[in-house]
């Protein structure tokens, strides 16, 4: 499903993955989920659905990158982040209005 914000997602994918962007967009369930949840992103604040799930995904990915797993791998050996730490970080993110 495509909507007005889909173009933003595809532009980011093209910037990072070039010719593989469309294939990644089509095959990534996570990106499909983000695309679905951002359907109302360009509308007024009253028509937006809750973005809490997107914030949760964001802080998990942020933790993954901050711990260097995007570079070194070995994520299967990671003990995991504390829920309280991730939840606190999620609450620090700006509220979309």
PDB file of N, CA and C in Angstrom:
ATOM      1  N   UNK A   1       0.833  -1.171   0.000  1.00  0.00           N
ATOM      2  CA  UNK A   1       0.000   0.000   0.000  1.00  0.00           C
ATOM      3  C   UNK A   1       0.889   1.249   0.000  1.00  0.00           C
ATOM      4  N   UNK A   2       0.538   2.165  -0.851  1.00  0.00           N
ATOM      5  CA  UNK A   2       1.303   3.409  -0.919  1.00  0.00           C
ATOM      6  C   UNK A   2       0.420   4.583  -0.515  1.00  0.00           C
ATOM      7  N   UNK A   3       1.010   5.526   0.171  1.00  0.00           N
ATOM      8  CA  UNK A   3       0.338   6.752   0.597  1.00  0.00           C
ATOM      9  C   UNK A   3       1.354   7.880   0.494  1.00  0.00           C
ATOM     10  N   UNK A   4       1.002   9.063   0.936  1.00  0.00           N
ATOM     11  CA  UNK A   4       1.882  10.215   0.715  1.00  0.00           C
ATOM     12  C   UNK A   4       3.238  10.089   1.402  1.00  0.00           C
ATOM     13  N   UNK A   5       3.297   9.452   2.570  1.00  0.00           N
ATOM     14  CA  UNK A   5       4.568   9.330   3.291  1.00  0.00           C
ATOM     15  C   UNK A   5       5.459   8.220   2.732  1.00  0.00           C
ATOM     16  N   UNK A   6       4.887   7.343   1.922  1.00  0.00           N
ATOM     17  CA  UNK A   6       5.660   6.247   1.321  1.00  0.00           C
ATOM     18  C   UNK A   6       6.835   6.791   0.511  1.00  0.00           C
ATOM     19  N   UNK A   7       6.641   7.905  -0.146  1.00  0.00           N
ATOM     20  CA  UNK A   7       7.715   8.515  -0.943  1.00  0.00           C
ATOM     21  C   UNK A   7       8.913   8.863  -0.070  1.00  0.00           C
ATOM     22  N   UNK A   8       8.676   9.313   1.155  1.00  0.00           N
ATOM     23  CA  UNK A   8       9.774   9.629   2.078  1.00  0.00           C
ATOM     24  C   UNK A   8      10.550   8.362   2.443  1.00  0.00           C
ATOM     25  N   UNK A   9       9.828   7.288   2.717  1.00  0.00           N
ATOM     26  CA  UNK A   9      10.469   6.019   3.069  1.00  0.00           C
ATOM     27  C   UNK A   9      11.308   5.516   1.902  1.00  0.00           C
ATOM     28  N   UNK A  10      10.747   5.574   0.705  1.00  0.00           N
ATOM     29  CA  UNK A  10      11.468   5.100  -0.479  1.00  0.00           C
ATOM     30  C   UNK A  10      12.689   5.967  -0.779  1.00  0.00           C
ATOM     31  N   UNK A  11      12.588   7.260  -0.535  1.00  0.00           N
ATOM     32  CA  UNK A  11      13.734   8.156  -0.760  1.00  0.00           C
ATOM     33  C   UNK A  11      14.890   7.803   0.169  1.00  0.00           C
ATOM     34  N   UNK A  12      14.572   7.496   1.413  1.00  0.00           N
ATOM     35  CA  UNK A  12      15.615   7.099   2.374  1.00  0.00           C
ATOM     36  C   UNK A  12      16.257   5.788   1.942  1.00  0.00           C
ATOM     37  N   UNK A  13      15.434   4.831   1.517  1.00  0.00           N
ATOM     38  CA  UNK A  13      15.971   3.550   1.052  1.00  0.00           C
ATOM     39  C   UNK A  13      16.852   3.728  -0.177  1.00  0.00           C
ATOM     40  N   UNK A  14      16.435   4.572  -1.111  1.00  0.00           N
ATOM     41  CA  UNK A  14      17.241   4.823  -2.317  1.00  0.00           C
ATOM     42  C   UNK A  14      18.572   5.476  -1.964  1.00  0.00           C
ATOM     43  N   UNK A  15      18.552   6.381  -1.000  1.00  0.00           N
ATOM     44  CA  UNK A  15      19.783   7.048  -0.576  1.00  0.00           C
ATOM     45  C   UNK A  15      20.800   6.035  -0.042  1.00  0.00           C
ATOM     46  N   UNK A  16      20.310   5.060   0.727  1.00  0.00           N
ATOM     47  CA  UNK A  16      21.210   4.109   1.382  1.00  0.00           C
ATOM     48  C   UNK A  16      21.459   2.834   0.583  1.00  0.00           C
ATOM     49  N   UNK A  17      20.506   2.440  -0.261  1.00  0.00           N
ATOM     50  CA  UNK A  17      20.615   1.147  -0.925  1.00  0.00           C
ATOM     51  C   UNK A  17      20.536   1.205  -2.450  1.00  0.00           C
ATOM     52  N   UNK A  18      20.401   2.401  -3.006  1.00  0.00           N
ATOM     53  CA  UNK A  18      20.421   2.568  -4.452  1.00  0.00           C
ATOM     54  C   UNK A  18      19.423   1.695  -5.188  1.00  0.00           C
ATOM     55  N   UNK A  19      19.928   0.917  -6.132  1.00  0.00           N
ATOM     56  CA  UNK A  19      19.077   0.087  -6.981  1.00  0.00           C
ATOM     57  C   UNK A  19      18.338  -1.005  -6.226  1.00  0.00           C
ATOM     58  N   UNK A  20      18.775  -1.340  -5.033  1.00  0.00           N
ATOM     59  CA  UNK A  20      18.122  -2.381  -4.236  1.00  0.00           C
ATOM     60  C   UNK A  20      16.954  -1.855  -3.399  1.00  0.00           C
ATOM     61  N   UNK A  21      16.702  -0.561  -3.449  1.00  0.00           N
ATOM     62  CA  UNK A  21      15.695   0.063  -2.589  1.00  0.00           C
ATOM     63  C   UNK A  21      14.308  -0.547  -2.761  1.00  0.00           C
ATOM     64  N   UNK A  22      13.857  -0.717  -3.985  1.00  0.00           N
ATOM     65  CA  UNK A  22      12.514  -1.264  -4.205  1.00  0.00           C
ATOM     66  C   UNK A  22      12.394  -2.689  -3.703  1.00  0.00           C
ATOM     67  N   UNK A  23      13.425  -3.481  -3.915  1.00  0.00           N
ATOM     68  CA  UNK A  23      13.418  -4.866  -3.456  1.00  0.00           C
ATOM     69  C   UNK A  23      13.359  -4.922  -1.925  1.00  0.00           C
ATOM     70  N   UNK A  24      14.128  -4.058  -1.273  1.00  0.00           N
ATOM     71  CA  UNK A  24      14.131  -3.997   0.188  1.00  0.00           C
ATOM     72  C   UNK A  24      12.763  -3.551   0.692  1.00  0.00           C
ATOM     73  N   UNK A  25      12.199  -2.543   0.057  1.00  0.00           N
ATOM     74  CA  UNK A  25      10.880  -2.055   0.450  1.00  0.00           C
ATOM     75  C   UNK A  25       9.836  -3.168   0.344  1.00  0.00           C
ATOM     76  N   UNK A  26       9.878  -3.913  -0.727  1.00  0.00           N
ATOM     77  CA  UNK A  26       8.888  -4.970  -0.967  1.00  0.00           C
ATOM     78  C   UNK A  26       9.039  -6.167  -0.034  1.00  0.00           C
ATOM     79  N   UNK A  27      10.267  -6.484   0.366  1.00  0.00           N
ATOM     80  CA  UNK A  27      10.515  -7.719   1.113  1.00  0.00           C
ATOM     81  C   UNK A  27      10.680  -7.550   2.622  1.00  0.00           C
ATOM     82  N   UNK A  28      10.862  -6.335   3.090  1.00  0.00           N
ATOM     83  CA  UNK A  28      11.081  -6.119   4.522  1.00  0.00           C
ATOM     84  C   UNK A  28       9.749  -5.958   5.249  1.00  0.00           C
ATOM     85  N   UNK A  29       9.452  -6.884   6.129  1.00  0.00           N
ATOM     86  CA  UNK A  29       8.219  -6.785   6.909  1.00  0.00           C
ATOM     87  C   UNK A  29       8.268  -5.602   7.869  1.00  0.00           C
ATOM     88  N   UNK A  30       9.445  -5.296   8.379  1.00  0.00           N
ATOM     89  CA  UNK A  30       9.572  -4.152   9.281  1.00  0.00           C
ATOM     90  C   UNK A  30       9.280  -2.846   8.540  1.00  0.00           C
ATOM     91  N   UNK A  31       9.815  -2.709   7.349  1.00  0.00           N
ATOM     92  CA  UNK A  31       9.568  -1.495   6.573  1.00  0.00           C
ATOM     93  C   UNK A  31       8.102  -1.417   6.162  1.00  0.00           C
ATOM     94  N   UNK A  32       7.494  -2.546   5.839  1.00  0.00           N
ATOM     95  CA  UNK A  32       6.072  -2.562   5.521  1.00  0.00           C
ATOM     96  C   UNK A  32       5.244  -2.098   6.726  1.00  0.00           C
ATOM     97  N   UNK A  33       5.642  -2.523   7.910  1.00  0.00           N
ATOM     98  CA  UNK A  33       4.952  -2.105   9.133  1.00  0.00           C
ATOM     99  C   UNK A  33       5.103  -0.600   9.338  1.00  0.00           C
ATOM    100  N   UNK A  34       6.320  -0.095   9.193  1.00  0.00           N
ATOM    101  CA  UNK A  34       6.561   1.341   9.339  1.00  0.00           C
ATOM    102  C   UNK A  34       5.738   2.111   8.303  1.00  0.00           C
ATOM    103  N   UNK A  35       5.706   1.612   7.090  1.00  0.00           N
ATOM    104  CA  UNK A  35       4.919   2.262   6.042  1.00  0.00           C
ATOM    105  C   UNK A  35       3.438   2.319   6.434  1.00  0.00           C
ATOM    106  N   UNK A  36       2.918   1.232   6.941  1.00  0.00           N
ATOM    107  CA  UNK A  36       1.511   1.195   7.359  1.00  0.00           C
ATOM    108  C   UNK A  36       1.241   2.160   8.510  1.00  0.00           C
ATOM    109  N   UNK A  37       2.137   2.192   9.495  1.00  0.00           N
ATOM    110  CA  UNK A  37       1.932   3.042  10.673  1.00  0.00           C
ATOM    111  C   UNK A  37       2.116   4.524  10.379  1.00  0.00           C
ATOM    112  N   UNK A  38       2.768   4.871   9.277  1.00  0.00           N
ATOM    113  CA  UNK A  38       2.988   6.283   8.944  1.00  0.00           C
ATOM    114  C   UNK A  38       1.965   6.798   7.933  1.00  0.00           C
ATOM    115  N   UNK A  39       0.939   6.035   7.699  1.00  0.00           N
ATOM    116  CA  UNK A  39      -0.094   6.419   6.728  1.00  0.00           C
ATOM    117  C   UNK A  39      -0.656   7.807   7.024  1.00  0.00           C
ATOM    118  N   UNK A  40      -0.804   8.163   8.285  1.00  0.00           N
ATOM    119  CA  UNK A  40      -1.386   9.459   8.639  1.00  0.00           C
ATOM    120  C   UNK A  40      -0.343  10.510   9.025  1.00  0.00           C
ATOM    121  N   UNK A  41       0.914  10.258   8.733  1.00  0.00           N
ATOM    122  CA  UNK A  41       1.991  11.153   9.192  1.00  0.00           C
ATOM    123  C   UNK A  41       1.897  12.561   8.615  1.00  0.00           C
ATOM    124  N   UNK A  42       1.401  12.719   7.421  1.00  0.00           N
ATOM    125  CA  UNK A  42       1.331  14.039   6.805  1.00  0.00           C
ATOM    126  C   UNK A  42      -0.001  14.740   7.040  1.00  0.00           C
ATOM    127  N   UNK A  43      -0.856  14.150   7.843  1.00  0.00           N
ATOM    128  CA  UNK A  43      -2.155  14.752   8.135  1.00  0.00           C
ATOM    129  C   UNK A  43      -2.081  15.495   9.463  1.00  0.00           C
ATOM    130  N   UNK A  44      -3.156  16.101   9.856  1.00  0.00           N
ATOM    131  CA  UNK A  44      -3.200  16.836  11.117  1.00  0.00           C
ATOM    132  C   UNK A  44      -3.008  15.921  12.310  1.00  0.00           C
ATOM    133  N   UNK A  45      -2.632  16.520  13.424  1.00  0.00           N
ATOM    134  CA  UNK A  45      -2.326  15.735  14.622  1.00  0.00           C
ATOM    135  C   UNK A  45      -3.517  14.928  15.120  1.00  0.00           C
ATOM    136  N   UNK A  46      -4.724  15.393  14.893  1.00  0.00           N
ATOM    137  CA  UNK A  46      -5.899  14.656  15.377  1.00  0.00           C
ATOM    138  C   UNK A  46      -6.179  13.413  14.553  1.00  0.00           C
ATOM    139  N   UNK A  47      -5.669  13.347  13.346  1.00  0.00           N
ATOM    140  CA  UNK A  47      -5.929  12.169  12.509  1.00  0.00           C
ATOM    141  C   UNK A  47      -4.814  11.133  12.600  1.00  0.00           C
ATOM    142  N   UNK A  48      -3.740  11.467  13.297  1.00  0.00           N
ATOM    143  CA  UNK A  48      -2.623  10.523  13.417  1.00  0.00           C
ATOM    144  C   UNK A  48      -2.926   9.420  14.407  1.00  0.00           C
ATOM    145  N   UNK A  49      -2.510   8.234  14.036  1.00  0.00           N
ATOM    146  CA  UNK A  49      -2.607   7.138  14.989  1.00  0.00           C
ATOM    147  C   UNK A  49      -1.447   7.275  15.976  1.00  0.00           C
ATOM    148  N   UNK A  50      -1.439   6.459  16.970  1.00  0.00           N
ATOM    149  CA  UNK A  50      -0.363   6.503  17.959  1.00  0.00           C
ATOM    150  C   UNK A  50       0.951   6.070  17.321  1.00  0.00           C
ATOM    151  N   UNK A  51       1.976   6.838  17.545  1.00  0.00           N
ATOM    152  CA  UNK A  51       3.298   6.505  17.011  1.00  0.00           C
ATOM    153  C   UNK A  51       4.164   5.808  18.066  1.00  0.00           C
ATOM    154  N   UNK A  52       3.572   5.382  19.175  1.00  0.00           N
ATOM    155  CA  UNK A  52       4.341   4.744  20.246  1.00  0.00           C
ATOM    156  C   UNK A  52       5.079   3.504  19.752  1.00  0.00           C
ATOM    157  N   UNK A  53       4.445   2.710  18.905  1.00  0.00           N
ATOM    158  CA  UNK A  53       5.109   1.519  18.394  1.00  0.00           C
ATOM    159  C   UNK A  53       6.319   1.883  17.541  1.00  0.00           C
ATOM    160  N   UNK A  54       6.215   2.970  16.789  1.00  0.00           N
ATOM    161  CA  UNK A  54       7.366   3.410  15.987  1.00  0.00           C
ATOM    162  C   UNK A  54       8.492   3.898  16.886  1.00  0.00           C
ATOM    163  N   UNK A  55       8.153   4.582  17.975  1.00  0.00           N
ATOM    164  CA  UNK A  55       9.171   5.008  18.921  1.00  0.00           C
ATOM    165  C   UNK A  55       9.865   3.810  19.546  1.00  0.00           C
ATOM    166  N   UNK A  56       9.100   2.772  19.859  1.00  0.00           N
ATOM    167  CA  UNK A  56       9.678   1.558  20.444  1.00  0.00           C
ATOM    168  C   UNK A  56      10.655   0.909  19.466  1.00  0.00           C
ATOM    169  N   UNK A  57      10.269   0.818  18.205  1.00  0.00           N
ATOM    170  CA  UNK A  57      11.162   0.263  17.178  1.00  0.00           C
ATOM    171  C   UNK A  57      12.416   1.123  17.070  1.00  0.00           C
ATOM    172  N   UNK A  58      12.229   2.437  17.087  1.00  0.00           N
ATOM    173  CA  UNK A  58      13.352   3.367  16.970  1.00  0.00           C
ATOM    174  C   UNK A  58      14.376   3.138  18.079  1.00  0.00           C
ATOM    175  N   UNK A  59      13.926   3.052  19.341  1.00  0.00           N
ATOM    176  CA  UNK A  59      14.892   2.917  20.439  1.00  0.00           C
ATOM    177  C   UNK A  59      15.578   1.552  20.434  1.00  0.00           C
ATOM    178  N   UNK A  60      14.901   0.523  19.956  1.00  0.00           N
ATOM    179  CA  UNK A  60      15.545  -0.792  19.841  1.00  0.00           C
ATOM    180  C   UNK A  60      16.642  -0.748  18.779  1.00  0.00           C
ATOM    181  N   UNK A  61      16.344  -0.131  17.652  1.00  0.00           N
ATOM    182  CA  UNK A  61      17.355  -0.008  16.586  1.00  0.00           C
ATOM    183  C   UNK A  61      18.494   0.906  17.040  1.00  0.00           C
ATOM    184  N   UNK A  62      18.157   1.975  17.747  1.00  0.00           N
ATOM    185  CA  UNK A  62      19.178   2.877  18.283  1.00  0.00           C
ATOM    186  C   UNK A  62      20.119   2.130  19.220  1.00  0.00           C
ATOM    187  N   UNK A  63      19.578   1.282  20.088  1.00  0.00           N
ATOM    188  CA  UNK A  63      20.390   0.476  20.999  1.00  0.00           C
ATOM    189  C   UNK A  63      21.297  -0.479  20.208  1.00  0.00           C
ATOM    190  N   UNK A  64      20.749  -1.084  19.183  1.00  0.00           N
ATOM    191  CA  UNK A  64      21.499  -2.001  18.311  1.00  0.00           C
ATOM    192  C   UNK A  64      22.706  -1.288  17.700  1.00  0.00           C
ATOM    193  N   UNK A  65      22.481  -0.083  17.189  1.00  0.00           N
ATOM    194  CA  UNK A  65      23.564   0.690  16.562  1.00  0.00           C
ATOM    195  C   UNK A  65      24.545   1.204  17.613  1.00  0.00           C
ATOM    196  N   UNK A  66      24.025   1.724  18.724  1.00  0.00           N
ATOM    197  CA  UNK A  66      24.898   2.246  19.787  1.00  0.00           C
ATOM    198  C   UNK A  66      25.833   1.181  20.344  1.00  0.00           C
ATOM    199  N   UNK A  67      25.405  -0.063  20.314  1.00  0.00           N
ATOM    200  CA  UNK A  67      26.251  -1.161  20.784  1.00  0.00           C
ATOM    201  C   UNK A  67      27.122  -1.737  19.676  1.00  0.00           C
ATOM    202  N   UNK A  68      27.079  -1.120  18.506  1.00  0.00           N
ATOM    203  CA  UNK A  68      27.972  -1.492  17.416  1.00  0.00           C
ATOM    204  C   UNK A  68      27.617  -2.766  16.669  1.00  0.00           C
ATOM    205  N   UNK A  69      26.424  -3.282  16.860  1.00  0.00           N
ATOM    206  CA  UNK A  69      26.071  -4.532  16.190  1.00  0.00           C
ATOM    207  C   UNK A  69      25.875  -4.362  14.688  1.00  0.00           C
ATOM    208  N   UNK A  70      25.671  -3.139  14.234  1.00  0.00           N
ATOM    209  CA  UNK A  70      25.582  -2.895  12.797  1.00  0.00           C
ATOM    210  C   UNK A  70      26.952  -3.050  12.130  1.00  0.00           C
ATOM    211  N   UNK A  71      28.022  -3.005  12.920  1.00  0.00           N
ATOM    212  CA  UNK A  71      29.376  -3.125  12.399  1.00  0.00           C
ATOM    213  C   UNK A  71      30.034  -4.469  12.722  1.00  0.00           C
ATOM    214  N   UNK A  72      29.826  -4.951  13.945  1.00  0.00           N
ATOM    215  CA  UNK A  72      30.583  -6.115  14.388  1.00  0.00           C
ATOM    216  C   UNK A  72      29.798  -7.423  14.404  1.00  0.00           C
ATOM    217  N   UNK A  73      28.484  -7.361  14.252  1.00  0.00           N
ATOM    218  CA  UNK A  73      27.706  -8.593  14.312  1.00  0.00           C
ATOM    219  C   UNK A  73      27.641  -9.134  15.719  1.00  0.00           C
ATOM    220  N   UNK A  74      27.521 -10.443  15.870  1.00  0.00           N
ATOM    221  CA  UNK A  74      27.461 -11.120  17.170  1.00  0.00           C
ATOM    222  C   UNK A  74      26.261 -10.701  18.016  1.00  0.00           C
ATOM    223  N   UNK A  75      25.203 -10.278  17.386  1.00  0.00           N
ATOM    224  CA  UNK A  75      24.013  -9.848  18.122  1.00  0.00           C
ATOM    225  C   UNK A  75      23.402 -10.994  18.922  1.00  0.00           C
ATOM    226  N   UNK A  76      23.585 -12.227  18.473  1.00  0.00           N
ATOM    227  CA  UNK A  76      23.010 -13.372  19.178  1.00  0.00           C
ATOM    228  C   UNK A  76      23.597 -13.540  20.580  1.00  0.00           C
ATOM    229  N   UNK A  77      24.751 -12.937  20.832  1.00  0.00           N
ATOM    230  CA  UNK A  77      25.389 -13.032  22.144  1.00  0.00           C
ATOM    231  C   UNK A  77      25.037 -11.858  23.064  1.00  0.00           C
ATOM    232  N   UNK A  78      24.269 -10.910  22.549  1.00  0.00           N
ATOM    233  CA  UNK A  78      23.879  -9.734  23.323  1.00  0.00           C
ATOM    234  C   UNK A  78      22.861 -10.138  24.394  1.00  0.00           C
ATOM    235  N   UNK A  79      23.115  -9.726  25.620  1.00  0.00           N
ATOM    236  CA  UNK A  79      22.218 -10.060  26.724  1.00  0.00           C
ATOM    237  C   UNK A  79      20.922  -9.264  26.665  1.00  0.00           C
ATOM    238  N   UNK A  80      20.905  -8.212  25.894  1.00  0.00           N
ATOM    239  CA  UNK A  80      19.701  -7.399  25.743  1.00  0.00           C
ATOM    240  C   UNK A  80      19.770  -6.128  26.558  1.00  0.00           C
ATOM    241  N   UNK A  81      18.906  -5.222  26.207  1.00  0.00           N
ATOM    242  CA  UNK A  81      18.825  -3.948  26.909  1.00  0.00           C
ATOM    243  C   UNK A  81      17.764  -4.049  27.994  1.00  0.00           C
ATOM    244  N   UNK A  82      17.938  -3.266  29.014  1.00  0.00           N
ATOM    245  CA  UNK A  82      16.943  -3.214  30.089  1.00  0.00           C
ATOM    246  C   UNK A  82      15.707  -2.467  29.579  1.00  0.00           C
ATOM    247  N   UNK A  83      14.545  -3.037  29.830  1.00  0.00           N
ATOM    248  CA  UNK A  83      13.295  -2.421  29.391  1.00  0.00           C
ATOM    249  C   UNK A  83      13.177  -0.989  29.898  1.00  0.00           C
ATOM    250  N   UNK A  84      13.516  -0.770  31.160  1.00  0.00           N
ATOM    251  CA  UNK A  84      13.387   0.557  31.760  1.00  0.00           C
ATOM    252  C   UNK A  84      14.229   1.578  30.998  1.00  0.00           C
ATOM    253  N   UNK A  85      15.425   1.191  30.594  1.00  0.00           N
ATOM    254  CA  UNK A  85      16.311   2.090  29.845  1.00  0.00           C
ATOM    255  C   UNK A  85      15.697   2.438  28.484  1.00  0.00           C
ATOM    256  N   UNK A  86      15.183   1.442  27.797  1.00  0.00           N
ATOM    257  CA  UNK A  86      14.569   1.686  26.492  1.00  0.00           C
ATOM    258  C   UNK A  86      13.297   2.519  26.633  1.00  0.00           C
ATOM    259  N   UNK A  87      12.491   2.218  27.637  1.00  0.00           N
ATOM    260  CA  UNK A  87      11.254   2.957  27.854  1.00  0.00           C
ATOM    261  C   UNK A  87      11.540   4.415  28.183  1.00  0.00           C
ATOM    262  N   UNK A  88      12.557   4.649  29.012  1.00  0.00           N
ATOM    263  CA  UNK A  88      12.946   6.020  29.359  1.00  0.00           C
ATOM    264  C   UNK A  88      13.395   6.770  28.119  1.00  0.00           C
ATOM    265  N   UNK A  89      14.187   6.122  27.290  1.00  0.00           N
ATOM    266  CA  UNK A  89      14.652   6.764  26.052  1.00  0.00           C
ATOM    267  C   UNK A  89      13.476   7.083  25.129  1.00  0.00           C
ATOM    268  N   UNK A  90      12.526   6.176  25.064  1.00  0.00           N
ATOM    269  CA  UNK A  90      11.344   6.394  24.226  1.00  0.00           C
ATOM    270  C   UNK A  90      10.585   7.644  24.684  1.00  0.00           C
ATOM    271  N   UNK A  91      10.511   7.845  25.988  1.00  0.00           N
ATOM    272  CA  UNK A  91       9.804   9.011  26.519  1.00  0.00           C
ATOM    273  C   UNK A  91      10.564  10.305  26.279  1.00  0.00           C
ATOM    274  N   UNK A  92      11.853  10.229  25.998  1.00  0.00           N
ATOM    275  CA  UNK A  92      12.653  11.424  25.721  1.00  0.00           C
ATOM    276  C   UNK A  92      12.478  11.927  24.290  1.00  0.00           C
ATOM    277  N   UNK A  93      11.959  11.075  23.419  1.00  0.00           N
ATOM    278  CA  UNK A  93      11.799  11.461  22.015  1.00  0.00           C
ATOM    279  C   UNK A  93      10.709  12.524  21.888  1.00  0.00           C
ATOM    280  N   UNK A  94      10.826  13.391  20.885  1.00  0.00           N
ATOM    281  CA  UNK A  94       9.849  14.462  20.738  1.00  0.00           C
ATOM    282  C   UNK A  94       8.461  13.928  20.367  1.00  0.00           C
ATOM    283  N   UNK A  95       7.458  14.632  20.816  1.00  0.00           N
ATOM    284  CA  UNK A  95       6.072  14.304  20.479  1.00  0.00           C
ATOM    285  C   UNK A  95       5.737  14.974  19.151  1.00  0.00           C
ATOM    286  N   UNK A  96       5.156  14.217  18.250  1.00  0.00           N
ATOM    287  CA  UNK A  96       4.757  14.791  16.947  1.00  0.00           C
ATOM    288  C   UNK A  96       3.458  15.545  17.124  1.00  0.00           C
ATOM    289  N   UNK A  97       3.451  16.757  16.647  1.00  0.00           N
ATOM    290  CA  UNK A  97       2.222  17.561  16.741  1.00  0.00           C
ATOM    291  C   UNK A  97       1.841  18.129  15.417  1.00  0.00           C
TER     292      UNK A  97
END
